[in-house]
ModelCIF file with pLDDT and N, C-alpha, C, O atoms, coordinates in Angstrom:
data_MODEL
#
_entry.id   MODEL 
#
_entity.id                         1 
_entity.type                       polymer 
_entity.pdbx_number_of_molecules   1 
#
_entity_poly.entity_id                      1 
_entity_poly.type                           'polypeptide(L)' 
_entity_poly.nstd_linkage                   no 
_entity_poly.nstd_monomer                   no 
_entity_poly.pdbx_seq_one_letter_code       TGVAYLQSNSNGLVVMGGAVTTLAKGLTDNEF 
_entity_poly.pdbx_seq_one_letter_code_can   TGVAYLQSNSNGLVVMGGAVTTLAKGLTDNEF 
_entity_poly.pdbx_strand_id                 A 
#
loop_
_entity_poly_seq.entity_id 
_entity_poly_seq.num 
_entity_poly_seq.mon_id 
_entity_poly_seq.hetero 
1 1  THR n 
1 2  GLY n 
1 3  VAL n 
1 4  ALA n 
1 5  TYR n 
1 6  LEU n 
1 7  GLN n 
1 8  SER n 
1 9  ASN n 
1 10 SER n 
1 11 ASN n 
1 12 GLY n 
1 13 LEU n 
1 14 VAL n 
1 15 VAL n 
1 16 MET n 
1 17 GLY n 
1 18 GLY n 
1 19 ALA n 
1 20 VAL n 
1 21 THR n 
1 22 THR n 
1 23 LEU n 
1 24 ALA n 
1 25 LYS n 
1 26 GLY n 
1 27 LEU n 
1 28 THR n 
1 29 ASP n 
1 30 ASN n 
1 31 GLU n 
1 32 PHE n 
#
_struct_asym.id          A 
_struct_asym.entity_id   1 
#
loop_
_ma_qa_metric.id 
_ma_qa_metric.mode 
_ma_qa_metric.name 
_ma_qa_metric.software_group_id 
_ma_qa_metric.type 
1 global pLDDT . pLDDT 
2 local  pLDDT . pLDDT 
#
_ma_qa_metric_global.metric_id      1 
_ma_qa_metric_global.metric_value   92.44 
_ma_qa_metric_global.model_id       1 
_ma_qa_metric_global.ordinal_id     1 
#
loop_
_ma_qa_metric_local.label_asym_id 
_ma_qa_metric_local.label_comp_id 
_ma_qa_metric_local.label_seq_id 
_ma_qa_metric_local.metric_id 
_ma_qa_metric_local.metric_value 
_ma_qa_metric_local.model_id 
_ma_qa_metric_local.ordinal_id 
A THR 1  2 97.00 1 1  
A GLY 2  2 97.00 1 2  
A VAL 3  2 96.00 1 3  
A ALA 4  2 95.00 1 4  
A TYR 5  2 96.00 1 5  
A LEU 6  2 94.00 1 6  
A GLN 7  2 92.00 1 7  
A SER 8  2 93.00 1 8  
A ASN 9  2 89.00 1 9  
A SER 10 2 79.00 1 10 
A ASN 11 2 80.00 1 11 
A GLY 12 2 93.00 1 12 
A LEU 13 2 96.00 1 13 
A VAL 14 2 97.00 1 14 
A VAL 15 2 98.00 1 15 
A MET 16 2 98.00 1 16 
A GLY 17 2 98.00 1 17 
A GLY 18 2 98.00 1 18 
A ALA 19 2 98.00 1 19 
A VAL 20 2 98.00 1 20 
A THR 21 2 98.00 1 21 
A THR 22 2 97.00 1 22 
A LEU 23 2 96.00 1 23 
A ALA 24 2 92.00 1 24 
A LYS 25 2 88.00 1 25 
A GLY 26 2 79.00 1 26 
A LEU 27 2 76.00 1 27 
A THR 28 2 80.00 1 28 
A ASP 29 2 87.00 1 29 
A ASN 30 2 92.00 1 30 
A GLU 31 2 95.00 1 31 
A PHE 32 2 96.00 1 32 
#
loop_
_atom_site.group_PDB 
_atom_site.id 
_atom_site.type_symbol 
_atom_site.label_atom_id 
_atom_site.label_alt_id 
_atom_site.label_comp_id 
_atom_site.label_asym_id 
_atom_site.label_entity_id 
_atom_site.label_seq_id 
_atom_site.pdbx_PDB_ins_code 
_atom_site.Cartn_x 
_atom_site.Cartn_y 
_atom_site.Cartn_z 
_atom_site.occupancy 
_atom_site.B_iso_or_equiv 
_atom_site.pdbx_formal_charge 
_atom_site.auth_seq_id 
_atom_site.auth_comp_id 
_atom_site.auth_asym_id 
_atom_site.auth_atom_id 
_atom_site.pdbx_PDB_model_num 
ATOM 1   N N  . THR A 1 1  ? 23.801 15.315 -58.251 1.00 97.00 ? 1  THR A N  1 
ATOM 2   C CA . THR A 1 1  ? 23.804 15.789 -56.863 1.00 97.00 ? 1  THR A CA 1 
ATOM 3   C C  . THR A 1 1  ? 23.099 17.050 -56.876 1.00 97.00 ? 1  THR A C  1 
ATOM 4   O O  . THR A 1 1  ? 22.344 17.246 -55.925 1.00 97.00 ? 1  THR A O  1 
ATOM 5   N N  . GLY A 1 2  ? 23.208 18.088 -57.907 1.00 97.00 ? 2  GLY A N  1 
ATOM 6   C CA . GLY A 1 2  ? 22.696 19.215 -57.929 1.00 97.00 ? 2  GLY A CA 1 
ATOM 7   C C  . GLY A 1 2  ? 21.078 19.135 -58.230 1.00 97.00 ? 2  GLY A C  1 
ATOM 8   O O  . GLY A 1 2  ? 20.245 19.883 -57.718 1.00 97.00 ? 2  GLY A O  1 
ATOM 9   N N  . VAL A 1 3  ? 20.805 18.076 -59.166 1.00 96.00 ? 3  VAL A N  1 
ATOM 10  C CA . VAL A 1 3  ? 19.333 17.779 -59.637 1.00 96.00 ? 3  VAL A CA 1 
ATOM 11  C C  . VAL A 1 3  ? 18.645 17.508 -58.349 1.00 96.00 ? 3  VAL A C  1 
ATOM 12  O O  . VAL A 1 3  ? 17.622 18.098 -57.998 1.00 96.00 ? 3  VAL A O  1 
ATOM 13  N N  . ALA A 1 4  ? 19.367 16.411 -57.526 1.00 95.00 ? 4  ALA A N  1 
ATOM 14  C CA . ALA A 1 4  ? 18.626 15.931 -56.310 1.00 95.00 ? 4  ALA A CA 1 
ATOM 15  C C  . ALA A 1 4  ? 18.493 17.054 -55.214 1.00 95.00 ? 4  ALA A C  1 
ATOM 16  O O  . ALA A 1 4  ? 17.531 16.979 -54.450 1.00 95.00 ? 4  ALA A O  1 
ATOM 17  N N  . TYR A 1 5  ? 19.358 18.051 -55.087 1.00 96.00 ? 5  TYR A N  1 
ATOM 18  C CA . TYR A 1 5  ? 19.228 19.096 -54.147 1.00 96.00 ? 5  TYR A CA 1 
ATOM 19  C C  . TYR A 1 5  ? 17.853 19.951 -54.609 1.00 96.00 ? 5  TYR A C  1 
ATOM 20  O O  . TYR A 1 5  ? 17.044 20.341 -53.767 1.00 96.00 ? 5  TYR A O  1 
ATOM 21  N N  . LEU A 1 6  ? 17.717 20.155 -55.822 1.00 94.00 ? 6  LEU A N  1 
ATOM 22  C CA . LEU A 1 6  ? 16.550 21.027 -56.259 1.00 94.00 ? 6  LEU A CA 1 
ATOM 23  C C  . LEU A 1 6  ? 15.281 20.042 -55.982 1.00 94.00 ? 6  LEU A C  1 
ATOM 24  O O  . LEU A 1 6  ? 14.304 20.555 -55.436 1.00 94.00 ? 6  LEU A O  1 
ATOM 25  N N  . GLN A 1 7  ? 15.241 18.807 -56.287 1.00 92.00 ? 7  GLN A N  1 
ATOM 26  C CA . GLN A 1 7  ? 14.138 17.941 -55.999 1.00 92.00 ? 7  GLN A CA 1 
ATOM 27  C C  . GLN A 1 7  ? 13.798 17.980 -54.780 1.00 92.00 ? 7  GLN A C  1 
ATOM 28  O O  . GLN A 1 7  ? 12.593 18.045 -54.537 1.00 92.00 ? 7  GLN A O  1 
ATOM 29  N N  . SER A 1 8  ? 14.734 17.954 -53.708 1.00 93.00 ? 8  SER A N  1 
ATOM 30  C CA . SER A 1 8  ? 14.457 17.861 -52.279 1.00 93.00 ? 8  SER A CA 1 
ATOM 31  C C  . SER A 1 8  ? 13.880 19.324 -51.695 1.00 93.00 ? 8  SER A C  1 
ATOM 32  O O  . SER A 1 8  ? 13.191 19.438 -50.681 1.00 93.00 ? 8  SER A O  1 
ATOM 33  N N  . ASN A 1 9  ? 14.292 20.350 -52.513 1.00 89.00 ? 9  ASN A N  1 
ATOM 34  C CA . ASN A 1 9  ? 13.981 21.726 -51.871 1.00 89.00 ? 9  ASN A CA 1 
ATOM 35  C C  . ASN A 1 9  ? 13.016 22.504 -53.033 1.00 89.00 ? 9  ASN A C  1 
ATOM 36  O O  . ASN A 1 9  ? 13.198 23.694 -53.293 1.00 89.00 ? 9  ASN A O  1 
ATOM 37  N N  . SER A 1 10 ? 12.012 21.726 -53.671 1.00 79.00 ? 10 SER A N  1 
ATOM 38  C CA . SER A 1 10 ? 11.392 22.271 -54.786 1.00 79.00 ? 10 SER A CA 1 
ATOM 39  C C  . SER A 1 10 ? 10.241 23.355 -54.472 1.00 79.00 ? 10 SER A C  1 
ATOM 40  O O  . SER A 1 10 ? 9.634  23.965 -55.352 1.00 79.00 ? 10 SER A O  1 
ATOM 41  N N  . ASN A 1 11 ? 10.042 23.498 -53.146 1.00 80.00 ? 11 ASN A N  1 
ATOM 42  C CA . ASN A 1 11 ? 8.941  24.554 -52.744 1.00 80.00 ? 11 ASN A CA 1 
ATOM 43  C C  . ASN A 1 11 ? 9.620  25.797 -52.100 1.00 80.00 ? 11 ASN A C  1 
ATOM 44  O O  . ASN A 1 11 ? 8.845  26.655 -51.678 1.00 80.00 ? 11 ASN A O  1 
ATOM 45  N N  . GLY A 1 12 ? 10.843 25.999 -51.974 1.00 93.00 ? 12 GLY A N  1 
ATOM 46  C CA . GLY A 1 12 ? 11.397 27.003 -51.297 1.00 93.00 ? 12 GLY A CA 1 
ATOM 47  C C  . GLY A 1 12 ? 12.725 27.518 -51.890 1.00 93.00 ? 12 GLY A C  1 
ATOM 48  O O  . GLY A 1 12 ? 13.076 27.228 -53.034 1.00 93.00 ? 12 GLY A O  1 
ATOM 49  N N  . LEU A 1 13 ? 13.413 28.262 -51.095 1.00 96.00 ? 13 LEU A N  1 
ATOM 50  C CA . LEU A 1 13 ? 14.733 28.879 -51.572 1.00 96.00 ? 13 LEU A CA 1 
ATOM 51  C C  . LEU A 1 13 ? 15.894 27.807 -51.697 1.00 96.00 ? 13 LEU A C  1 
ATOM 52  O O  . LEU A 1 13 ? 15.968 26.846 -50.931 1.00 96.00 ? 13 LEU A O  1 
ATOM 53  N N  . VAL A 1 14 ? 16.654 28.008 -52.565 1.00 97.00 ? 14 VAL A N  1 
ATOM 54  C CA . VAL A 1 14 ? 17.919 27.131 -52.930 1.00 97.00 ? 14 VAL A CA 1 
ATOM 55  C C  . VAL A 1 14 ? 19.121 28.061 -52.975 1.00 97.00 ? 14 VAL A C  1 
ATOM 56  O O  . VAL A 1 14 ? 18.997 29.236 -53.320 1.00 97.00 ? 14 VAL A O  1 
ATOM 57  N N  . VAL A 1 15 ? 20.138 27.593 -52.667 1.00 98.00 ? 15 VAL A N  1 
ATOM 58  C CA . VAL A 1 15 ? 21.418 28.361 -52.773 1.00 98.00 ? 15 VAL A CA 1 
ATOM 59  C C  . VAL A 1 15 ? 22.562 27.368 -53.282 1.00 98.00 ? 15 VAL A C  1 
ATOM 60  O O  . VAL A 1 15 ? 22.586 26.167 -53.012 1.00 98.00 ? 15 VAL A O  1 
ATOM 61  N N  . MET A 1 16 ? 23.502 28.040 -54.052 1.00 98.00 ? 16 MET A N  1 
ATOM 62  C CA . MET A 1 16 ? 24.597 27.283 -54.610 1.00 98.00 ? 16 MET A CA 1 
ATOM 63  C C  . MET A 1 16 ? 25.840 28.480 -54.492 1.00 98.00 ? 16 MET A C  1 
ATOM 64  O O  . MET A 1 16 ? 25.728 29.686 -54.709 1.00 98.00 ? 16 MET A O  1 
ATOM 65  N N  . GLY A 1 17 ? 26.978 27.761 -54.097 1.00 98.00 ? 17 GLY A N  1 
ATOM 66  C CA . GLY A 1 17 ? 28.224 28.524 -54.117 1.00 98.00 ? 17 GLY A CA 1 
ATOM 67  C C  . GLY A 1 17 ? 28.934 28.365 -55.502 1.00 98.00 ? 17 GLY A C  1 
ATOM 68  O O  . GLY A 1 17 ? 28.555 27.428 -56.204 1.00 98.00 ? 17 GLY A O  1 
ATOM 69  N N  . GLY A 1 18 ? 29.828 29.106 -55.922 1.00 98.00 ? 18 GLY A N  1 
ATOM 70  C CA . GLY A 1 18 ? 30.509 29.068 -57.180 1.00 98.00 ? 18 GLY A CA 1 
ATOM 71  C C  . GLY A 1 18 ? 31.971 29.508 -56.877 1.00 98.00 ? 18 GLY A C  1 
ATOM 72  O O  . GLY A 1 18 ? 32.231 30.447 -56.124 1.00 98.00 ? 18 GLY A O  1 
ATOM 73  N N  . ALA A 1 19 ? 32.925 28.741 -57.534 1.00 98.00 ? 19 ALA A N  1 
ATOM 74  C CA . ALA A 1 19 ? 34.424 29.052 -57.551 1.00 98.00 ? 19 ALA A CA 1 
ATOM 75  C C  . ALA A 1 19 ? 35.134 28.504 -58.644 1.00 98.00 ? 19 ALA A C  1 
ATOM 76  O O  . ALA A 1 19 ? 34.841 27.438 -59.186 1.00 98.00 ? 19 ALA A O  1 
ATOM 77  N N  . VAL A 1 20 ? 36.092 29.260 -58.970 1.00 98.00 ? 20 VAL A N  1 
ATOM 78  C CA . VAL A 1 20 ? 37.039 28.834 -60.149 1.00 98.00 ? 20 VAL A CA 1 
ATOM 79  C C  . VAL A 1 20 ? 37.981 27.885 -59.595 1.00 98.00 ? 20 VAL A C  1 
ATOM 80  O O  . VAL A 1 20 ? 38.759 28.247 -58.712 1.00 98.00 ? 20 VAL A O  1 
ATOM 81  N N  . THR A 1 21 ? 37.974 26.565 -60.092 1.00 98.00 ? 21 THR A N  1 
ATOM 82  C CA . THR A 1 21 ? 38.648 25.381 -59.290 1.00 98.00 ? 21 THR A CA 1 
ATOM 83  C C  . THR A 1 21 ? 39.915 25.200 -60.058 1.00 98.00 ? 21 THR A C  1 
ATOM 84  O O  . THR A 1 21 ? 40.502 24.152 -59.790 1.00 98.00 ? 21 THR A O  1 
ATOM 85  N N  . THR A 1 22 ? 40.467 25.954 -60.930 1.00 97.00 ? 22 THR A N  1 
ATOM 86  C CA . THR A 1 22 ? 41.674 25.829 -61.655 1.00 97.00 ? 22 THR A CA 1 
ATOM 87  C C  . THR A 1 22 ? 42.819 26.941 -61.485 1.00 97.00 ? 22 THR A C  1 
ATOM 88  O O  . THR A 1 22 ? 43.695 27.172 -62.319 1.00 97.00 ? 22 THR A O  1 
ATOM 89  N N  . LEU A 1 23 ? 42.657 27.567 -60.291 1.00 96.00 ? 23 LEU A N  1 
ATOM 90  C CA . LEU A 1 23 ? 43.347 28.622 -60.011 1.00 96.00 ? 23 LEU A CA 1 
ATOM 91  C C  . LEU A 1 23 ? 44.879 28.211 -59.833 1.00 96.00 ? 23 LEU A C  1 
ATOM 92  O O  . LEU A 1 23 ? 45.194 27.195 -59.215 1.00 96.00 ? 23 LEU A O  1 
ATOM 93  N N  . ALA A 1 24 ? 45.794 29.055 -60.407 1.00 92.00 ? 24 ALA A N  1 
ATOM 94  C CA . ALA A 1 24 ? 47.346 28.756 -60.093 1.00 92.00 ? 24 ALA A CA 1 
ATOM 95  C C  . ALA A 1 24 ? 47.695 29.828 -59.013 1.00 92.00 ? 24 ALA A C  1 
ATOM 96  O O  . ALA A 1 24 ? 48.756 29.668 -58.410 1.00 92.00 ? 24 ALA A O  1 
ATOM 97  N N  . LYS A 1 25 ? 46.909 30.912 -58.704 1.00 88.00 ? 25 LYS A N  1 
ATOM 98  C CA . LYS A 1 25 ? 47.160 32.024 -57.786 1.00 88.00 ? 25 LYS A CA 1 
ATOM 99  C C  . LYS A 1 25 ? 48.502 32.508 -57.950 1.00 88.00 ? 25 LYS A C  1 
ATOM 100 O O  . LYS A 1 25 ? 49.259 32.479 -56.980 1.00 88.00 ? 25 LYS A O  1 
ATOM 101 N N  . GLY A 1 26 ? 48.884 32.945 -59.047 1.00 79.00 ? 26 GLY A N  1 
ATOM 102 C CA . GLY A 1 26 ? 50.166 33.492 -59.314 1.00 79.00 ? 26 GLY A CA 1 
ATOM 103 C C  . GLY A 1 26 ? 50.291 35.026 -58.556 1.00 79.00 ? 26 GLY A C  1 
ATOM 104 O O  . GLY A 1 26 ? 49.280 35.618 -58.178 1.00 79.00 ? 26 GLY A O  1 
ATOM 105 N N  . LEU A 1 27 ? 51.486 35.512 -58.408 1.00 76.00 ? 27 LEU A N  1 
ATOM 106 C CA . LEU A 1 27 ? 51.636 36.661 -57.755 1.00 76.00 ? 27 LEU A CA 1 
ATOM 107 C C  . LEU A 1 27 ? 51.381 37.880 -58.574 1.00 76.00 ? 27 LEU A C  1 
ATOM 108 O O  . LEU A 1 27 ? 51.235 38.939 -57.963 1.00 76.00 ? 27 LEU A O  1 
ATOM 109 N N  . THR A 1 28 ? 51.312 37.875 -59.779 1.00 80.00 ? 28 THR A N  1 
ATOM 110 C CA . THR A 1 28 ? 50.996 38.846 -60.789 1.00 80.00 ? 28 THR A CA 1 
ATOM 111 C C  . THR A 1 28 ? 49.993 38.731 -61.622 1.00 80.00 ? 28 THR A C  1 
ATOM 112 O O  . THR A 1 28 ? 49.523 39.726 -62.173 1.00 80.00 ? 28 THR A O  1 
ATOM 113 N N  . ASP A 1 29 ? 49.475 37.376 -61.854 1.00 87.00 ? 29 ASP A N  1 
ATOM 114 C CA . ASP A 1 29 ? 48.502 37.043 -62.894 1.00 87.00 ? 29 ASP A CA 1 
ATOM 115 C C  . ASP A 1 29 ? 47.190 36.900 -62.149 1.00 87.00 ? 29 ASP A C  1 
ATOM 116 O O  . ASP A 1 29 ? 47.049 36.242 -61.118 1.00 87.00 ? 29 ASP A O  1 
ATOM 117 N N  . ASN A 1 30 ? 46.116 37.674 -62.859 1.00 92.00 ? 30 ASN A N  1 
ATOM 118 C CA . ASN A 1 30 ? 44.711 37.488 -62.435 1.00 92.00 ? 30 ASN A CA 1 
ATOM 119 C C  . ASN A 1 30 ? 44.246 36.271 -63.172 1.00 92.00 ? 30 ASN A C  1 
ATOM 120 O O  . ASN A 1 30 ? 44.787 35.905 -64.215 1.00 92.00 ? 30 ASN A O  1 
ATOM 121 N N  . GLU A 1 31 ? 43.181 35.616 -62.588 1.00 95.00 ? 31 GLU A N  1 
ATOM 122 C CA . GLU A 1 31 ? 42.379 34.501 -63.106 1.00 95.00 ? 31 GLU A CA 1 
ATOM 123 C C  . GLU A 1 31 ? 40.931 34.574 -62.616 1.00 95.00 ? 31 GLU A C  1 
ATOM 124 O O  . GLU A 1 31 ? 40.499 33.978 -61.630 1.00 95.00 ? 31 GLU A O  1 
ATOM 125 N N  . PHE A 1 32 ? 40.164 35.464 -63.513 1.00 96.00 ? 32 PHE A N  1 
ATOM 126 C CA . PHE A 1 32 ? 38.820 35.789 -62.916 1.00 96.00 ? 32 PHE A CA 1 
ATOM 127 C C  . PHE A 1 32 ? 37.674 35.639 -63.932 1.00 96.00 ? 32 PHE A C  1 
ATOM 128 O O  . PHE A 1 32 ? 36.514 35.870 -63.592 1.00 96.00 ? 32 PHE A O  1 
#
């Protein structure tokens, strides 16, 4: 899917978001 996105926008700007997708979101523990 990512390759197809770049192929379809090969002459201009592209953007991608990023997230940590395994977060437990504890009250005291960092995960970064």
